C-alpha atoms as a PDB file:
ATOM      1  CA  UNK A   1      41.240 -57.026 -94.548  1.00  0.00           C
ATOM      2  CA  UNK A   2      43.949 -59.168 -96.111  1.00  0.00           C
ATOM      3  CA  UNK A   3      44.659 -60.746 -92.741  1.00  0.00           C
ATOM      4  CA  UNK A   4      40.994 -61.735 -92.327  1.00  0.00           C
ATOM      5  CA  UNK A   5      40.980 -63.378 -95.753  1.00  0.00           C
ATOM      6  CA  UNK A   6      44.203 -65.222 -94.958  1.00  0.00           C
ATOM      7  CA  UNK A   7      42.823 -66.362 -91.620  1.00  0.00           C
ATOM      8  CA  UNK A   8      39.658 -67.693 -93.275  1.00  0.00           C
ATOM      9  CA  UNK A   9      41.686 -69.466 -95.938  1.00  0.00           C
ATOM     10  CA  UNK A  10      44.012 -71.037 -93.356  1.00  0.00           C
ATOM     11  CA  UNK A  11      41.071 -72.036 -91.183  1.00  0.00           C
ATOM     12  CA  UNK A  12      39.443 -73.727 -94.129  1.00  0.00           C
ATOM     13  CA  UNK A  13      42.525 -75.766 -95.001  1.00  0.00           C
ATOM     14  CA  UNK A  14      43.405 -76.650 -91.412  1.00  0.00           C
ATOM     15  CA  UNK A  15      39.912 -77.672 -90.302  1.00  0.00           C
ATOM     16  CA  UNK A  16      38.548 -81.182 -90.355  1.00  0.00           C
ATOM     17  CA  UNK A  17      36.589 -82.252 -93.418  1.00  0.00           C
ATOM     18  CA  UNK A  18      32.942 -81.194 -93.347  1.00  0.00           C
ATOM     19  CA  UNK A  19      30.337 -83.771 -94.277  1.00  0.00           C
ATOM     20  CA  UNK A  20      26.689 -83.374 -95.268  1.00  0.00           C
ATOM     21  CA  UNK A  21      25.298 -83.658 -91.748  1.00  0.00           C
ATOM     22  CA  UNK A  22      27.581 -80.864 -90.532  1.00  0.00           C
ATOM     23  CA  UNK A  23      26.511 -78.587 -93.393  1.00  0.00           C
ATOM     24  CA  UNK A  24      22.865 -79.477 -92.838  1.00  0.00           C
ATOM     25  CA  UNK A  25      23.099 -78.720 -89.118  1.00  0.00           C
ATOM     26  CA  UNK A  26      24.785 -75.393 -89.827  1.00  0.00           C
ATOM     27  CA  UNK A  27      22.037 -74.295 -92.186  1.00  0.00           C
ATOM     28  CA  UNK A  28      19.301 -75.074 -89.652  1.00  0.00           C
ATOM     29  CA  UNK A  29      20.090 -71.766 -87.918  1.00  0.00           C
ATOM     30  CA  UNK A  30      18.043 -68.872 -89.273  1.00  0.00           C
ATOM     31  CA  UNK A  31      20.982 -66.483 -88.852  1.00  0.00           C
ATOM     32  CA  UNK A  32      23.164 -68.539 -91.219  1.00  0.00           C
ATOM     33  CA  UNK A  33      20.364 -68.688 -93.766  1.00  0.00           C
ATOM     34  CA  UNK A  34      19.889 -64.934 -93.527  1.00  0.00           C
ATOM     35  CA  UNK A  35      23.614 -64.256 -93.909  1.00  0.00           C
ATOM     36  CA  UNK A  36      23.823 -66.515 -96.971  1.00  0.00           C
ATOM     37  CA  UNK A  37      20.783 -64.826 -98.485  1.00  0.00           C
ATOM     38  CA  UNK A  38      22.282 -61.376 -97.841  1.00  0.00           C
ATOM     39  CA  UNK A  39      25.495 -62.554 -99.491  1.00  0.00           C
ATOM     40  CA  UNK A  40      23.522 -63.691-102.543  1.00  0.00           C
ATOM     41  CA  UNK A  41      21.567 -60.422-102.640  1.00  0.00           C
ATOM     42  CA  UNK A  42      24.766 -58.381-102.466  1.00  0.00           C
ATOM     43  CA  UNK A  43      26.432 -60.516-105.114  1.00  0.00           C
ATOM     44  CA  UNK A  44      23.385 -60.154-107.375  1.00  0.00           C
ATOM     45  CA  UNK A  45      23.402 -56.387-106.954  1.00  0.00           C
ATOM     46  CA  UNK A  46      27.126 -56.271-107.685  1.00  0.00           C
ATOM     47  CA  UNK A  47      26.638 -58.422-110.792  1.00  0.00           C
ATOM     48  CA  UNK A  48      23.775 -56.233-111.977  1.00  0.00           C
ATOM     49  CA  UNK A  49      25.809 -53.028-111.640  1.00  0.00           C
ATOM     50  CA  UNK A  50      28.745 -54.567-113.498  1.00  0.00           C
ATOM     51  CA  UNK A  51      26.587 -55.955-116.304  1.00  0.00           C
ATOM     52  CA  UNK A  52      24.690 -52.685-116.622  1.00  0.00           C
ATOM     53  CA  UNK A  53      27.922 -50.732-116.963  1.00  0.00           C
ATOM     54  CA  UNK A  54      29.306 -53.136-119.558  1.00  0.00           C
ATOM     55  CA  UNK A  55      26.081 -52.939-121.553  1.00  0.00           C
ATOM     56  CA  UNK A  56      26.043 -49.141-121.357  1.00  0.00           C
ATOM     57  CA  UNK A  57      29.618 -48.983-122.640  1.00  0.00           C
ATOM     58  CA  UNK A  58      29.552 -51.593-125.385  1.00  0.00           C
ATOM     59  CA  UNK A  59      25.967 -52.097-126.602  1.00  0.00           C
ATOM     60  CA  UNK A  60      24.946 -48.986-128.504  1.00  0.00           C
ATOM     61  CA  UNK A  61      21.496 -49.856-129.961  1.00  0.00           C
ATOM     62  CA  UNK A  62      18.991 -48.785-127.310  1.00  0.00           C
ATOM     63  CA  UNK A  63      16.496 -51.598-127.980  1.00  0.00           C
ATOM     64  CA  UNK A  64      19.117 -54.333-127.716  1.00  0.00           C
ATOM     65  CA  UNK A  65      20.549 -52.782-124.555  1.00  0.00           C
ATOM     66  CA  UNK A  66      17.089 -52.630-122.977  1.00  0.00           C
ATOM     67  CA  UNK A  67      16.346 -56.247-123.938  1.00  0.00           C
ATOM     68  CA  UNK A  68      19.656 -57.444-122.489  1.00  0.00           C
ATOM     69  CA  UNK A  69      19.101 -55.432-119.300  1.00  0.00           C
ATOM     70  CA  UNK A  70      15.680 -57.017-118.819  1.00  0.00           C
ATOM     71  CA  UNK A  71      17.104 -60.463-119.562  1.00  0.00           C
ATOM     72  CA  UNK A  72      19.881 -60.055-116.985  1.00  0.00           C
ATOM     73  CA  UNK A  73      17.484 -58.664-114.355  1.00  0.00           C
ATOM     74  CA  UNK A  74      15.136 -61.603-114.859  1.00  0.00           C
ATOM     75  CA  UNK A  75      18.021 -64.075-114.641  1.00  0.00           C
ATOM     76  CA  UNK A  76      19.407 -62.557-111.429  1.00  0.00           C
ATOM     77  CA  UNK A  77      15.926 -62.390-109.872  1.00  0.00           C
ATOM     78  CA  UNK A  78      15.325 -66.024-110.820  1.00  0.00           C
ATOM     79  CA  UNK A  79      18.605 -67.036-109.186  1.00  0.00           C
ATOM     80  CA  UNK A  80      17.690 -65.122-106.007  1.00  0.00           C
ATOM     81  CA  UNK A  81      14.276 -66.809-105.838  1.00  0.00           C
ATOM     82  CA  UNK A  82      15.853 -70.194-106.491  1.00  0.00           C
ATOM     83  CA  UNK A  83      18.368 -69.725-103.666  1.00  0.00           C
ATOM     84  CA  UNK A  84      15.575 -68.516-101.377  1.00  0.00           C
ATOM     85  CA  UNK A  85      13.706 -71.732-102.101  1.00  0.00           C
ATOM     86  CA  UNK A  86      16.819 -73.744-101.296  1.00  0.00           C
ATOM     87  CA  UNK A  87      17.363 -71.891 -98.024  1.00  0.00           C
ATOM     88  CA  UNK A  88      13.758 -71.676 -96.816  1.00  0.00           C
ATOM     89  CA  UNK A  89      12.107 -74.319 -98.973  1.00  0.00           C
ATOM     90  CA  UNK A  90       9.761 -77.150 -98.129  1.00  0.00           C
ATOM     91  CA  UNK A  91      12.105 -78.699 -95.579  1.00  0.00           C
ATOM     92  CA  UNK A  92      13.151 -75.336 -94.125  1.00  0.00           C
END
C-alpha cells in the first residue's frame, strides 16, 4: 500500500502540468465522475462515523448531541448533493 501511495506521489510530481482543458476532458468520462462521487461518498461516511464517535464521547447532554448529529448529517448531505451537481450538473 505504501508503494502505491509513493508511486502516485512520484507520478504527480514528475508529470507535466495539467491545465483546465485536460481536467475538463478527464471529467467528461462517466467512470471518472462515478469514481470521484464514490470517493466523496466514502469520505462523507468516514467523516460521519468520526464525528458521531467524538460527539458520543464528549457531548453528554442528549439534546445537544442529537442537534449536533442532525446538523452534521445535513452538512455532509448538502456537500454530497453539491458535489453531485458539480459532477453531473447542467453542463454534464
